[in-house]
Amino acid sequence: ASVVTLNPSAAQTMWEIGARDSVVGVTKFATYLEGADERTNVSGAGRTTVVVETVVGLQPDLVLVPNATHNLIPGKVQQLRDAGLTVYVFDEAGSLEDIAAKTQLTGRLVGACDGAAAANAEMESELATVREAVAGQERPDVLVVLGPYGYTAGSGTFIDTAVTTAGGVNVAADEGIQGYKPISNEGVVDRDPDWIVKPAGVSLPDSPAYNNSTAVQEGRVLTVDNNFVSQPAPQIVGPIVTMAKAFHPEAYA
């Protein structure tokens, strides 16, 4: 079977479950995966996420569309279906359990159930180690900065469950933020995070709220892998381990 993935999270999952050889097309932000640059790039120039003609030209048996991409290109999914392609659109992953379920589902869709089970078992094993290490520890207040203007992840996001699993308290969720939205400077001052976590390549807002925070003053700004923290896929484990080691070094050791 041949598969086109329309988001890096779907591509990463295919790689993790041992089904990369089935993938014939990927979007441009998936090229961090080993060998992905040998696949057809189905993205267009600029911010065009998907070129329908390119996908149709590959004549794949299945097109995998994560929720985030579907929200950007709802009309294009219909165009792909109208062209006779089979398209599967995933629900949004709001937790680590959702990521595991999505991995299992991907395995079923592409005939890689054993690989999906193995990927989930490995993920669960690493998460069990983290949970055991941080149990009973005092939890620091953590702010995740995903982009400019204090763009962050609140409750109902897999990043929120990642912070909690790593032994932190997500201040954005405490502040009442749901989903992906900015946190106000007042919110940052009120919550005064002990740690700030950010993907590589993201700069913190240059404002007194951030510059005077305990996290910045104490040098506790943690950079995590951009590709792994922002994708609801098995490699989210990497940033979780990085956070747990930083928040609770002695317990994790």
Protein backbone atom coordinates (compact mmCIF):
# COMPACT_ATOMS: atom_id res chain seq x y z
CA ALA A 1 0.00 0.00 0.00
CA SER A 2 1.19 3.54 -0.73
CA VAL A 3 0.50 6.39 1.69
CA VAL A 4 0.75 10.20 1.57
CA THR A 5 1.01 12.02 4.92
CA LEU A 6 -0.25 15.60 5.05
CA ASN A 7 1.37 16.56 8.35
CA PRO A 8 4.71 15.80 10.05
CA SER A 9 2.93 14.05 12.95
CA ALA A 10 1.43 11.47 10.58
CA ALA A 11 4.79 11.01 8.87
CA GLN A 12 6.62 10.65 12.21
CA THR A 13 4.09 8.03 13.31
CA MET A 14 4.60 6.05 10.08
CA TRP A 15 8.37 6.13 10.69
CA GLU A 16 7.96 5.06 14.32
CA ILE A 17 5.74 2.06 13.53
CA GLY A 18 8.13 0.78 10.88
CA ALA A 19 5.91 1.70 7.91
CA ARG A 20 8.08 4.38 6.31
CA ASP A 21 8.58 2.32 3.15
CA SER A 22 4.86 2.73 2.36
CA VAL A 23 5.12 6.53 2.41
CA VAL A 24 5.39 8.06 -1.06
CA GLY A 25 4.64 11.71 -0.20
CA VAL A 26 5.25 14.03 2.77
CA THR A 27 4.81 17.73 3.58
CA LYS A 28 7.87 19.99 3.76
CA PHE A 29 8.08 20.11 7.56
CA ALA A 30 8.48 16.33 7.72
CA THR A 31 11.89 16.40 6.05
CA TYR A 32 13.64 16.13 9.44
CA LEU A 33 12.81 12.41 9.32
CA GLU A 34 15.59 10.21 7.99
CA GLY A 35 15.02 9.53 4.30
CA ALA A 36 11.94 11.76 4.08
CA ASP A 37 13.69 14.01 1.57
CA GLU A 38 13.65 11.08 -0.85
CA ARG A 39 9.83 11.15 -0.88
CA THR A 40 7.74 13.51 -3.01
CA ASN A 41 7.20 16.87 -1.30
CA VAL A 42 3.47 17.58 -1.61
CA SER A 43 3.71 21.10 -0.14
CA GLY A 44 3.67 24.22 -2.27
CA ALA A 45 5.72 27.39 -2.02
CA GLY A 46 5.34 29.75 0.91
CA ARG A 47 2.74 28.64 3.43
CA THR A 48 0.85 26.35 1.04
CA THR A 49 0.53 23.14 3.02
CA VAL A 50 -0.75 20.86 0.28
CA VAL A 51 -0.82 20.87 -3.51
CA VAL A 52 -3.79 18.69 -4.42
CA GLU A 53 -2.52 17.92 -7.94
CA THR A 54 0.78 16.58 -6.56
CA VAL A 55 -1.01 14.26 -4.13
CA VAL A 56 -3.41 13.01 -6.81
CA GLY A 57 -0.50 12.44 -9.19
CA LEU A 58 1.07 10.00 -6.73
CA GLN A 59 -2.15 7.89 -6.79
CA PRO A 60 -1.73 6.73 -3.17
CA ASP A 61 -3.94 4.04 -1.65
CA LEU A 62 -4.42 6.20 1.44
CA VAL A 63 -3.96 9.83 2.48
CA LEU A 64 -3.49 10.52 6.22
CA VAL A 65 -4.68 13.95 7.37
CA PRO A 66 -4.11 15.00 10.99
CA ASN A 67 -6.69 17.33 12.51
CA ALA A 68 -4.43 20.42 12.48
CA THR A 69 -3.93 20.15 8.71
CA HIS A 70 -7.61 19.49 8.09
CA ASN A 71 -8.46 22.75 9.88
CA LEU A 72 -6.13 24.60 7.49
CA ILE A 73 -7.31 22.92 4.29
CA PRO A 74 -10.90 21.63 4.72
CA GLY A 75 -11.74 22.23 1.07
CA LYS A 76 -8.71 20.32 -0.15
CA VAL A 77 -9.71 17.13 1.66
CA GLN A 78 -12.94 17.16 -0.36
CA GLN A 79 -10.95 17.76 -3.56
CA LEU A 80 -8.80 14.72 -2.80
CA ARG A 81 -11.90 12.60 -2.17
CA ASP A 82 -13.54 13.91 -5.34
CA ALA A 83 -10.43 12.75 -7.21
CA GLY A 84 -11.15 9.22 -5.99
CA LEU A 85 -8.59 9.02 -3.19
CA THR A 86 -9.21 7.44 0.21
CA VAL A 87 -8.59 10.08 2.88
CA TYR A 88 -8.54 9.49 6.63
CA VAL A 89 -8.89 12.57 8.87
CA PHE A 90 -7.76 12.10 12.48
CA ASP A 91 -9.41 13.69 15.49
CA GLU A 92 -7.38 16.22 17.48
CA ALA A 93 -5.01 14.65 20.01
CA GLY A 94 -5.66 16.29 23.37
CA SER A 95 -3.61 13.95 25.56
CA LEU A 96 -0.85 11.34 25.56
CA GLU A 97 -3.56 8.64 25.55
CA ASP A 98 -4.91 10.16 22.34
CA ILE A 99 -1.42 9.96 20.80
CA ALA A 100 -1.18 6.26 21.69
CA ALA A 101 -4.66 5.62 20.27
CA LYS A 102 -3.74 7.51 17.10
CA THR A 103 -0.56 5.45 16.74
CA GLN A 104 -2.55 2.23 17.11
CA LEU A 105 -5.15 3.43 14.61
CA THR A 106 -2.46 4.37 12.08
CA GLY A 107 -1.05 0.84 12.42
CA ARG A 108 -4.48 -0.63 11.68
CA LEU A 109 -5.01 1.65 8.66
CA VAL A 110 -1.69 0.74 7.03
CA GLY A 111 -1.31 -2.88 8.15
CA ALA A 112 1.43 -2.26 10.72
CA CYS A 113 -0.36 -3.29 13.92
CA ASP A 114 2.69 -5.00 15.43
CA GLY A 115 4.88 -1.97 14.77
CA ALA A 116 2.29 0.33 16.32
CA ALA A 117 2.02 -1.92 19.39
CA ALA A 118 5.82 -1.91 19.74
CA ALA A 119 6.00 1.89 19.41
CA ASN A 120 3.29 2.33 22.04
CA ALA A 121 4.95 -0.18 24.39
CA GLU A 122 8.25 1.71 24.14
CA MET A 123 6.49 5.03 24.72
CA GLU A 124 4.59 3.64 27.72
CA SER A 125 7.77 2.16 29.21
CA GLU A 126 9.57 5.52 29.09
CA LEU A 127 6.52 7.35 30.47
CA ALA A 128 6.27 4.84 33.33
CA THR A 129 9.86 5.66 34.30
CA VAL A 130 9.08 9.38 34.27
CA ARG A 131 5.86 8.97 36.28
CA GLU A 132 7.66 6.89 38.88
CA ALA A 133 10.49 9.45 39.16
CA VAL A 134 8.26 12.52 39.61
CA ALA A 135 5.66 10.92 41.89
CA GLY A 136 5.49 12.81 45.18
CA GLN A 137 7.90 15.52 44.04
CA GLU A 138 7.10 19.20 44.48
CA ARG A 139 5.90 20.43 41.09
CA PRO A 140 7.38 23.63 39.64
CA ASP A 141 5.20 26.13 37.75
CA VAL A 142 5.92 25.81 34.03
CA LEU A 143 5.03 28.06 31.10
CA VAL A 144 5.36 26.67 27.57
CA VAL A 145 6.07 29.40 25.00
CA LEU A 146 5.28 28.14 21.50
CA GLY A 147 5.57 31.36 19.54
CA PRO A 148 5.54 35.15 19.63
CA TYR A 149 3.14 37.17 21.79
CA GLY A 150 3.09 34.52 24.51
CA TYR A 151 1.37 31.87 22.37
CA THR A 152 1.03 28.84 24.67
CA ALA A 153 -0.74 25.52 25.28
CA GLY A 154 -3.53 25.43 27.86
CA SER A 155 -5.84 22.68 29.08
CA GLY A 156 -7.14 20.11 26.62
CA THR A 157 -3.83 19.92 24.74
CA PHE A 158 -1.34 17.07 24.55
CA ILE A 159 1.37 19.57 25.55
CA ASP A 160 -0.50 20.21 28.80
CA THR A 161 -0.47 16.48 29.61
CA ALA A 162 3.20 16.35 28.63
CA VAL A 163 4.09 19.05 31.20
CA THR A 164 2.00 17.36 33.88
CA THR A 165 3.51 13.95 33.15
CA ALA A 166 7.00 15.47 33.42
CA GLY A 167 6.19 16.63 36.95
CA GLY A 168 5.30 20.27 36.32
CA VAL A 169 2.23 22.46 36.69
CA ASN A 170 1.13 24.11 33.44
CA VAL A 171 0.47 27.73 34.45
CA ALA A 172 -1.48 28.41 31.24
CA ALA A 173 -4.04 25.77 32.21
CA ASP A 174 -4.15 27.20 35.74
CA GLU A 175 -4.77 30.61 34.18
CA GLY A 176 -7.89 29.21 32.50
CA ILE A 177 -6.46 29.04 28.98
CA GLN A 178 -7.97 26.26 26.86
CA GLY A 179 -6.34 25.00 23.70
CA TYR A 180 -3.65 27.06 21.95
CA LYS A 181 -3.86 30.78 22.73
CA PRO A 182 -1.66 33.61 24.04
CA ILE A 183 -1.19 34.22 27.76
CA SER A 184 -1.30 37.89 28.80
CA ASN A 185 1.72 39.64 30.32
CA GLU A 186 -0.38 40.05 33.48
CA GLY A 187 -0.90 36.31 33.56
CA VAL A 188 2.85 35.72 33.30
CA VAL A 189 3.51 38.16 36.16
CA ASP A 190 0.74 36.64 38.33
CA ARG A 191 1.91 33.07 37.76
CA ASP A 192 5.66 33.87 37.75
CA PRO A 193 6.77 30.53 36.27
CA ASP A 194 9.71 28.65 37.81
CA TRP A 195 10.50 27.24 34.35
CA ILE A 196 9.86 28.35 30.79
CA VAL A 197 9.92 25.63 28.13
CA LYS A 198 10.20 26.54 24.45
CA PRO A 199 10.83 24.75 21.17
CA ALA A 200 14.20 25.36 19.52
CA GLY A 201 14.02 28.42 17.27
CA VAL A 202 11.36 30.22 19.33
CA SER A 203 12.36 33.44 21.10
CA LEU A 204 10.76 34.61 24.33
CA PRO A 205 8.75 37.84 24.20
CA ASP A 206 11.05 40.73 25.14
CA SER A 207 8.98 42.28 27.93
CA PRO A 208 9.39 42.94 31.66
CA ALA A 209 6.83 40.20 32.37
CA TYR A 210 9.18 37.60 30.94
CA ASN A 211 12.53 39.23 31.70
CA ASN A 212 11.69 39.60 35.40
CA SER A 213 10.19 36.13 35.80
CA THR A 214 11.86 33.66 38.16
CA ALA A 215 12.48 31.34 35.20
CA VAL A 216 14.51 33.92 33.26
CA GLN A 217 16.22 35.43 36.31
CA GLU A 218 17.33 31.97 37.50
CA GLY A 219 18.33 30.83 34.00
CA ARG A 220 15.65 28.14 33.88
CA VAL A 221 14.62 28.42 30.23
CA LEU A 222 14.55 24.93 28.74
CA THR A 223 14.77 24.39 24.98
CA VAL A 224 13.22 21.20 23.62
CA ASP A 225 13.19 19.64 20.16
CA ASN A 226 10.83 21.64 17.97
CA ASN A 227 9.80 18.67 15.80
CA PHE A 228 8.97 16.44 18.75
CA VAL A 229 7.21 18.83 21.15
CA SER A 230 4.87 20.22 18.51
CA GLN A 231 3.81 16.90 16.93
CA PRO A 232 1.19 14.65 18.54
CA ALA A 233 3.25 11.55 17.76
CA PRO A 234 5.33 8.99 19.70
CA GLN A 235 8.48 11.14 19.91
CA ILE A 236 6.71 13.50 22.35
CA VAL A 237 8.42 11.21 24.89
CA GLY A 238 11.75 12.96 24.16
CA PRO A 239 10.66 16.41 25.38
CA ILE A 240 8.86 14.82 28.37
CA VAL A 241 12.09 13.10 29.47
CA THR A 242 14.04 16.35 28.90
CA MET A 243 11.55 18.25 31.08
CA ALA A 244 11.51 15.62 33.83
CA LYS A 245 15.31 15.58 34.01
CA ALA A 246 15.37 19.39 34.25
CA PHE A 247 12.52 19.77 36.76
CA HIS A 248 13.52 16.81 38.97
CA PRO A 249 17.17 15.92 38.27
CA GLU A 250 17.81 13.93 41.46
CA ALA A 251 14.54 12.01 41.34
CA TYR A 252 14.98 11.19 37.67
CA ALA A 253 18.57 10.03 38.17
